[in-house]
Amino acid sequence: MATTFYAFCLLSALQLWLVVVRATTADSCYYYPLPDLPISQDNRTIPWGEPTITYTNGTTCCSTLDQVRDELDAIDSQLLQLLSERSAYVREAARFKATEESVNDPSRSQQVIQDAIDAAPSVHLPQIVAKMVFEGIINSSVPFEECIFNAYDDDSC
């Protein structure tokens, strides 16, 4: 019994230490929930800091805001293509649902969102971004699938 209590206390102390360590680094912004960090009062030169993206050829990004925006636009285009493909599969999923009530599966929705949150650190994606994006994807996919279910082959959806 004492060993279990000791292990619990040690684990609690370790978790608290991790929260404190995370809150003292920029990486703390990658975990959810976000730490309560004070607002920076620094007067920064523009641009501030060093480039953090290194391409495979060894060069770094980004030397201008326009370069950052160009890269973001290219990524947004890829995201739109992936969302289009995902929507096609959502449409297909509607074919396998027997009732309109079976279209919205809250436990499946929560699992998809939680899986994204859990996987985010492995690709160095802020967990808050994964959470918010996947909530948005699910919250738009369910009404779309309901529309498909109700319309069958109608192309109005």
C-alpha atoms as a PDB file:
ATOM      1  CA  MET A   1       0.000   0.000   0.000  1.00  0.00           C
ATOM      2  CA  ALA A   2       2.793   2.429   0.915  1.00  0.00           C
ATOM      3  CA  THR A   3       4.639   1.566  -2.311  1.00  0.00           C
ATOM      4  CA  THR A   4       1.552   2.413  -4.369  1.00  0.00           C
ATOM      5  CA  PHE A   5       1.149   5.732  -2.558  1.00  0.00           C
ATOM      6  CA  TYR A   6       4.866   6.500  -3.046  1.00  0.00           C
ATOM      7  CA  ALA A   7       4.613   5.686  -6.765  1.00  0.00           C
ATOM      8  CA  PHE A   8       1.511   7.897  -7.058  1.00  0.00           C
ATOM      9  CA  CYS A   9       3.311  10.812  -5.362  1.00  0.00           C
ATOM     10  CA  LEU A  10       6.384  10.345  -7.555  1.00  0.00           C
ATOM     11  CA  LEU A  11       4.257  10.237 -10.690  1.00  0.00           C
ATOM     12  CA  SER A  12       2.345  13.356  -9.620  1.00  0.00           C
ATOM     13  CA  ALA A  13       5.589  15.208  -8.939  1.00  0.00           C
ATOM     14  CA  LEU A  14       6.976  14.129 -12.322  1.00  0.00           C
ATOM     15  CA  GLN A  15       3.823  15.331 -14.106  1.00  0.00           C
ATOM     16  CA  LEU A  16       4.020  18.673 -12.325  1.00  0.00           C
ATOM     17  CA  TRP A  17       7.706  18.980 -13.229  1.00  0.00           C
ATOM     18  CA  LEU A  18       6.879  18.286 -16.898  1.00  0.00           C
ATOM     19  CA  VAL A  19       4.220  20.995 -16.862  1.00  0.00           C
ATOM     20  CA  VAL A  20       6.710  23.476 -15.409  1.00  0.00           C
ATOM     21  CA  VAL A  21       9.454  22.514 -17.872  1.00  0.00           C
ATOM     22  CA  ARG A  22       7.055  22.716 -20.825  1.00  0.00           C
ATOM     23  CA  ALA A  23       5.830  26.120 -19.705  1.00  0.00           C
ATOM     24  CA  THR A  24       9.370  27.482 -19.808  1.00  0.00           C
ATOM     25  CA  THR A  25      10.053  26.584 -23.451  1.00  0.00           C
ATOM     26  CA  ALA A  26       8.530  27.531 -26.795  1.00  0.00           C
ATOM     27  CA  ASP A  27       7.590  23.864 -27.183  1.00  0.00           C
ATOM     28  CA  SER A  28       4.980  24.417 -24.475  1.00  0.00           C
ATOM     29  CA  CYS A  29       2.803  25.910 -27.215  1.00  0.00           C
ATOM     30  CA  TYR A  30       2.644  22.477 -28.854  1.00  0.00           C
ATOM     31  CA  TYR A  31       0.713  20.793 -26.044  1.00  0.00           C
ATOM     32  CA  TYR A  32      -2.922  21.020 -25.047  1.00  0.00           C
ATOM     33  CA  PRO A  33      -4.078  22.628 -22.905  1.00  0.00           C
ATOM     34  CA  LEU A  34      -1.830  25.598 -23.400  1.00  0.00           C
ATOM     35  CA  PRO A  35       0.096  26.873 -20.391  1.00  0.00           C
ATOM     36  CA  ASP A  36      -0.788  30.236 -18.916  1.00  0.00           C
ATOM     37  CA  LEU A  37       2.190  32.177 -20.261  1.00  0.00           C
ATOM     38  CA  PRO A  38       2.659  35.902 -19.604  1.00  0.00           C
ATOM     39  CA  ILE A  39       2.328  38.203 -22.606  1.00  0.00           C
ATOM     40  CA  SER A  40       5.719  39.207 -23.966  1.00  0.00           C
ATOM     41  CA  GLN A  41       6.683  42.799 -23.282  1.00  0.00           C
ATOM     42  CA  ASP A  42       9.792  42.573 -25.490  1.00  0.00           C
ATOM     43  CA  ASN A  43      10.428  45.153 -28.185  1.00  0.00           C
ATOM     44  CA  ARG A  44      11.387  42.886 -31.054  1.00  0.00           C
ATOM     45  CA  THR A  45      13.270  43.752 -34.158  1.00  0.00           C
ATOM     46  CA  ILE A  46      11.542  42.613 -37.334  1.00  0.00           C
ATOM     47  CA  PRO A  47      12.223  39.873 -38.276  1.00  0.00           C
ATOM     48  CA  TRP A  48      13.117  38.411 -34.897  1.00  0.00           C
ATOM     49  CA  GLY A  49      14.733  35.065 -34.139  1.00  0.00           C
ATOM     50  CA  GLU A  50      16.383  32.658 -36.532  1.00  0.00           C
ATOM     51  CA  PRO A  51      14.778  30.556 -39.296  1.00  0.00           C
ATOM     52  CA  THR A  52      13.458  27.259 -37.930  1.00  0.00           C
ATOM     53  CA  ILE A  53      12.648  25.470 -41.191  1.00  0.00           C
ATOM     54  CA  THR A  54      15.508  23.710 -42.955  1.00  0.00           C
ATOM     55  CA  TYR A  55      14.980  22.253 -46.418  1.00  0.00           C
ATOM     56  CA  THR A  56      16.534  18.946 -47.499  1.00  0.00           C
ATOM     57  CA  ASN A  57      19.158  20.850 -49.509  1.00  0.00           C
ATOM     58  CA  GLY A  58      20.361  22.541 -46.309  1.00  0.00           C
ATOM     59  CA  THR A  59      18.948  26.018 -46.966  1.00  0.00           C
ATOM     60  CA  THR A  60      16.564  27.651 -44.513  1.00  0.00           C
ATOM     61  CA  CYS A  61      13.225  29.380 -44.756  1.00  0.00           C
ATOM     62  CA  CYS A  62      12.287  32.166 -44.564  1.00  0.00           C
ATOM     63  CA  SER A  63      13.919  35.490 -45.301  1.00  0.00           C
ATOM     64  CA  THR A  64      10.737  37.451 -46.080  1.00  0.00           C
ATOM     65  CA  LEU A  65       7.097  37.449 -45.048  1.00  0.00           C
ATOM     66  CA  ASP A  66       6.166  36.997 -48.730  1.00  0.00           C
ATOM     67  CA  GLN A  67       8.197  33.764 -48.802  1.00  0.00           C
ATOM     68  CA  VAL A  68       6.319  32.521 -45.719  1.00  0.00           C
ATOM     69  CA  ARG A  69       2.973  33.402 -47.319  1.00  0.00           C
ATOM     70  CA  ASP A  70       3.889  31.688 -50.600  1.00  0.00           C
ATOM     71  CA  GLU A  71       4.708  28.485 -48.690  1.00  0.00           C
ATOM     72  CA  LEU A  72       1.480  28.740 -46.695  1.00  0.00           C
ATOM     73  CA  ASP A  73      -0.519  29.198 -49.924  1.00  0.00           C
ATOM     74  CA  ALA A  74       1.075  26.062 -51.405  1.00  0.00           C
ATOM     75  CA  ILE A  75       0.276  24.068 -48.258  1.00  0.00           C
ATOM     76  CA  ASP A  76      -3.308  25.410 -48.232  1.00  0.00           C
ATOM     77  CA  SER A  77      -3.723  24.146 -51.793  1.00  0.00           C
ATOM     78  CA  GLN A  78      -2.564  20.675 -50.692  1.00  0.00           C
ATOM     79  CA  LEU A  79      -4.916  20.785 -47.699  1.00  0.00           C
ATOM     80  CA  LEU A  80      -7.860  21.617 -49.973  1.00  0.00           C
ATOM     81  CA  GLN A  81      -7.035  18.619 -52.160  1.00  0.00           C
ATOM     82  CA  LEU A  82      -6.838  16.337 -49.108  1.00  0.00           C
ATOM     83  CA  LEU A  83     -10.126  17.710 -47.737  1.00  0.00           C
ATOM     84  CA  SER A  84     -11.734  17.047 -51.108  1.00  0.00           C
ATOM     85  CA  GLU A  85     -10.536  13.435 -50.985  1.00  0.00           C
ATOM     86  CA  ARG A  86     -11.751  13.097 -47.392  1.00  0.00           C
ATOM     87  CA  SER A  87     -15.169  14.444 -48.370  1.00  0.00           C
ATOM     88  CA  ALA A  88     -15.380  11.835 -51.128  1.00  0.00           C
ATOM     89  CA  TYR A  89     -14.879   9.122 -48.481  1.00  0.00           C
ATOM     90  CA  VAL A  90     -17.459  10.755 -46.220  1.00  0.00           C
ATOM     91  CA  ARG A  91     -19.869  10.566 -49.139  1.00  0.00           C
ATOM     92  CA  GLU A  92     -19.018   6.880 -49.543  1.00  0.00           C
ATOM     93  CA  ALA A  93     -19.554   6.248 -45.830  1.00  0.00           C
ATOM     94  CA  ALA A  94     -23.158   7.422 -46.168  1.00  0.00           C
ATOM     95  CA  ARG A  95     -23.825   4.429 -48.442  1.00  0.00           C
ATOM     96  CA  PHE A  96     -23.163   2.094 -45.516  1.00  0.00           C
ATOM     97  CA  LYS A  97     -25.535   3.775 -43.057  1.00  0.00           C
ATOM     98  CA  ALA A  98     -28.974   2.214 -42.599  1.00  0.00           C
ATOM     99  CA  THR A  99     -30.595   5.185 -40.842  1.00  0.00           C
ATOM    100  CA  GLU A 100     -30.024   8.916 -40.602  1.00  0.00           C
ATOM    101  CA  GLU A 101     -29.361   8.468 -36.879  1.00  0.00           C
ATOM    102  CA  SER A 102     -26.428   6.177 -37.688  1.00  0.00           C
ATOM    103  CA  VAL A 103     -24.729   8.949 -39.684  1.00  0.00           C
ATOM    104  CA  ASN A 104     -23.709  10.870 -36.561  1.00  0.00           C
ATOM    105  CA  ASP A 105     -21.613   8.604 -34.339  1.00  0.00           C
ATOM    106  CA  PRO A 106     -20.368  10.810 -31.462  1.00  0.00           C
ATOM    107  CA  SER A 107     -18.018   8.149 -30.087  1.00  0.00           C
ATOM    108  CA  ARG A 108     -16.363   7.750 -33.520  1.00  0.00           C
ATOM    109  CA  SER A 109     -16.133  11.545 -33.883  1.00  0.00           C
ATOM    110  CA  GLN A 110     -14.489  11.903 -30.470  1.00  0.00           C
ATOM    111  CA  GLN A 111     -12.071   9.077 -31.274  1.00  0.00           C
ATOM    112  CA  VAL A 112     -10.994  10.742 -34.537  1.00  0.00           C
ATOM    113  CA  ILE A 113     -10.406  14.039 -32.721  1.00  0.00           C
ATOM    114  CA  GLN A 114      -8.544  12.385 -29.832  1.00  0.00           C
ATOM    115  CA  ASP A 115      -6.381  10.345 -32.224  1.00  0.00           C
ATOM    116  CA  ALA A 116      -5.367  13.583 -33.965  1.00  0.00           C
ATOM    117  CA  ILE A 117      -4.542  15.253 -30.639  1.00  0.00           C
ATOM    118  CA  ASP A 118      -2.518  12.232 -29.522  1.00  0.00           C
ATOM    119  CA  ALA A 119      -0.623  11.968 -32.831  1.00  0.00           C
ATOM    120  CA  ALA A 120       0.135  15.698 -33.120  1.00  0.00           C
ATOM    121  CA  PRO A 121       3.377  15.671 -31.076  1.00  0.00           C
ATOM    122  CA  SER A 122       4.846  12.923 -33.270  1.00  0.00           C
ATOM    123  CA  VAL A 123       4.705  15.290 -36.265  1.00  0.00           C
ATOM    124  CA  HIS A 124       5.514  18.383 -34.174  1.00  0.00           C
ATOM    125  CA  LEU A 125       2.026  19.803 -34.667  1.00  0.00           C
ATOM    126  CA  PRO A 126       0.601  21.885 -31.836  1.00  0.00           C
ATOM    127  CA  GLN A 127      -2.084  19.793 -30.157  1.00  0.00           C
ATOM    128  CA  ILE A 128      -4.429  22.786 -29.998  1.00  0.00           C
ATOM    129  CA  VAL A 129      -4.198  23.079 -33.790  1.00  0.00           C
ATOM    130  CA  ALA A 130      -4.943  19.367 -34.239  1.00  0.00           C
ATOM    131  CA  LYS A 131      -7.878  19.617 -31.835  1.00  0.00           C
ATOM    132  CA  MET A 132      -9.440  22.676 -33.439  1.00  0.00           C
ATOM    133  CA  VAL A 133      -8.881  21.525 -37.035  1.00  0.00           C
ATOM    134  CA  PHE A 134     -10.270  18.048 -36.470  1.00  0.00           C
ATOM    135  CA  GLU A 135     -13.248  19.403 -34.547  1.00  0.00           C
ATOM    136  CA  GLY A 136     -13.912  21.631 -37.568  1.00  0.00           C
ATOM    137  CA  ILE A 137     -13.529  18.727 -39.979  1.00  0.00           C
ATOM    138  CA  ILE A 138     -15.905  16.533 -37.984  1.00  0.00           C
ATOM    139  CA  ASN A 139     -18.391  19.358 -37.387  1.00  0.00           C
ATOM    140  CA  SER A 140     -18.604  19.964 -41.133  1.00  0.00           C
ATOM    141  CA  SER A 141     -18.436  16.325 -42.243  1.00  0.00           C
ATOM    142  CA  VAL A 142     -21.430  15.143 -40.204  1.00  0.00           C
ATOM    143  CA  PRO A 143     -23.919  17.626 -41.751  1.00  0.00           C
ATOM    144  CA  PHE A 144     -22.434  16.897 -45.194  1.00  0.00           C
ATOM    145  CA  GLU A 145     -22.898  13.146 -44.687  1.00  0.00           C
ATOM    146  CA  GLU A 146     -26.446  13.719 -43.399  1.00  0.00           C
ATOM    147  CA  CYS A 147     -27.169  15.729 -46.547  1.00  0.00           C
ATOM    148  CA  ILE A 148     -25.799  12.927 -48.722  1.00  0.00           C
ATOM    149  CA  PHE A 149     -27.794  10.329 -46.781  1.00  0.00           C
ATOM    150  CA  ASN A 150     -31.019  12.283 -47.287  1.00  0.00           C
ATOM    151  CA  ALA A 151     -30.356  13.197 -50.908  1.00  0.00           C
ATOM    152  CA  TYR A 152     -29.024   9.806 -52.075  1.00  0.00           C
ATOM    153  CA  ASP A 153     -27.834  10.484 -55.610  1.00  0.00           C
ATOM    154  CA  ASP A 154     -28.933  14.121 -55.652  1.00  0.00           C
ATOM    155  CA  ASP A 155     -25.944  16.314 -56.525  1.00  0.00           C
ATOM    156  CA  SER A 156     -27.232  19.286 -54.491  1.00  0.00           C
ATOM    157  CA  CYS A 157     -24.861  18.477 -51.601  1.00  0.00           C
END
